Amino acid sequence: MSPRTGRPTDNPKKVRLEIRLTEDQSEMLTRCADNLNLTKTDVIVKGIEAMNQLAGRTNRTKE
């Protein structure tokens, strides 16, 4: 048997992350995903990207 393979990608996701949320946070995540027509993972990734941009702007203004 050949090994299982997924779709080829230039940016494989090799890091797995497990988080704990309150019921309210879980409901907010689900609501955001539904309203934006995204997966929960995509909502979290976009949130990380937004916070990274904010942190970058904050760090530059402190210099």
C-alpha atoms as a PDB file:
ATOM      1  CA  MET A   1       0.000   0.000   0.000  1.00  0.00           C
ATOM      2  CA  SER A   2       1.191   3.511  -0.706  1.00  0.00           C
ATOM      3  CA  PRO A   3       1.336   6.030   2.134  1.00  0.00           C
ATOM      4  CA  ARG A   4      -1.634   8.332   2.570  1.00  0.00           C
ATOM      5  CA  THR A   5      -1.123  11.660   0.888  1.00  0.00           C
ATOM      6  CA  GLY A   6      -3.262  14.769   0.790  1.00  0.00           C
ATOM      7  CA  ARG A   7      -3.308  17.539  -1.712  1.00  0.00           C
ATOM      8  CA  PRO A   8       0.152  18.862  -2.541  1.00  0.00           C
ATOM      9  CA  THR A   9       0.851  22.272  -1.009  1.00  0.00           C
ATOM     10  CA  ASP A  10       3.622  24.836  -0.925  1.00  0.00           C
ATOM     11  CA  ASN A  11       2.833  25.656   2.719  1.00  0.00           C
ATOM     12  CA  PRO A  12       2.151  22.442   4.659  1.00  0.00           C
ATOM     13  CA  LYS A  13       0.590  22.810   8.096  1.00  0.00           C
ATOM     14  CA  LYS A  14       2.731  20.620  10.326  1.00  0.00           C
ATOM     15  CA  VAL A  15       1.996  22.176  13.737  1.00  0.00           C
ATOM     16  CA  ARG A  16      -1.016  20.919  15.655  1.00  0.00           C
ATOM     17  CA  LEU A  17      -2.499  23.106  18.376  1.00  0.00           C
ATOM     18  CA  GLU A  18      -5.086  22.283  21.011  1.00  0.00           C
ATOM     19  CA  ILE A  19      -6.836  25.074  22.902  1.00  0.00           C
ATOM     20  CA  ARG A  20      -9.364  25.264  25.698  1.00  0.00           C
ATOM     21  CA  LEU A  21     -12.241  27.727  25.428  1.00  0.00           C
ATOM     22  CA  THR A  22     -15.120  28.786  27.628  1.00  0.00           C
ATOM     23  CA  GLU A  23     -18.618  28.076  26.351  1.00  0.00           C
ATOM     24  CA  ASP A  24     -18.989  31.777  25.480  1.00  0.00           C
ATOM     25  CA  GLN A  25     -15.725  31.828  23.517  1.00  0.00           C
ATOM     26  CA  SER A  26     -16.727  28.666  21.659  1.00  0.00           C
ATOM     27  CA  GLU A  27     -20.097  30.194  20.764  1.00  0.00           C
ATOM     28  CA  MET A  28     -18.380  33.394  19.563  1.00  0.00           C
ATOM     29  CA  LEU A  29     -16.020  31.354  17.388  1.00  0.00           C
ATOM     30  CA  THR A  30     -18.880  29.346  15.908  1.00  0.00           C
ATOM     31  CA  ARG A  31     -20.950  32.486  15.290  1.00  0.00           C
ATOM     32  CA  CYS A  32     -18.004  34.230  13.570  1.00  0.00           C
ATOM     33  CA  ALA A  33     -17.329  31.194  11.397  1.00  0.00           C
ATOM     34  CA  ASP A  34     -20.995  30.923  10.404  1.00  0.00           C
ATOM     35  CA  ASN A  35     -21.430  34.652   9.724  1.00  0.00           C
ATOM     36  CA  LEU A  36     -18.214  34.919   7.707  1.00  0.00           C
ATOM     37  CA  ASN A  37     -18.750  31.571   5.950  1.00  0.00           C
ATOM     38  CA  LEU A  38     -15.316  30.376   7.107  1.00  0.00           C
ATOM     39  CA  THR A  39     -14.069  27.384   9.035  1.00  0.00           C
ATOM     40  CA  LYS A  40     -13.235  27.833  12.704  1.00  0.00           C
ATOM     41  CA  THR A  41      -9.591  27.284  11.808  1.00  0.00           C
ATOM     42  CA  ASP A  42      -9.728  30.073   9.220  1.00  0.00           C
ATOM     43  CA  VAL A  43     -11.290  32.447  11.778  1.00  0.00           C
ATOM     44  CA  ILE A  44      -8.496  31.674  14.261  1.00  0.00           C
ATOM     45  CA  VAL A  45      -5.772  32.074  11.619  1.00  0.00           C
ATOM     46  CA  LYS A  46      -7.207  35.423  10.483  1.00  0.00           C
ATOM     47  CA  GLY A  47      -7.326  36.518  14.125  1.00  0.00           C
ATOM     48  CA  ILE A  48      -3.664  35.579  14.582  1.00  0.00           C
ATOM     49  CA  GLU A  49      -2.740  37.496  11.423  1.00  0.00           C
ATOM     50  CA  ALA A  50      -4.697  40.565  12.589  1.00  0.00           C
ATOM     51  CA  MET A  51      -3.067  40.511  16.027  1.00  0.00           C
ATOM     52  CA  ASN A  52       0.362  40.077  14.425  1.00  0.00           C
ATOM     53  CA  GLN A  53      -0.224  43.165  12.274  1.00  0.00           C
ATOM     54  CA  LEU A  54      -1.372  45.116  15.323  1.00  0.00           C
ATOM     55  CA  ALA A  55       1.678  43.994  17.297  1.00  0.00           C
ATOM     56  CA  GLY A  56       3.937  44.982  14.420  1.00  0.00           C
ATOM     57  CA  ARG A  57       2.453  48.478  14.299  1.00  0.00           C
ATOM     58  CA  THR A  58       2.735  48.803  18.071  1.00  0.00           C
ATOM     59  CA  ASN A  59       6.385  47.703  18.093  1.00  0.00           C
ATOM     60  CA  ARG A  60       7.326  50.147  15.320  1.00  0.00           C
ATOM     61  CA  THR A  61       5.769  53.124  17.109  1.00  0.00           C
ATOM     62  CA  LYS A  62       7.695  52.389  20.322  1.00  0.00           C
ATOM     63  CA  GLU A  63      11.096  52.599  18.603  1.00  0.00           C
END
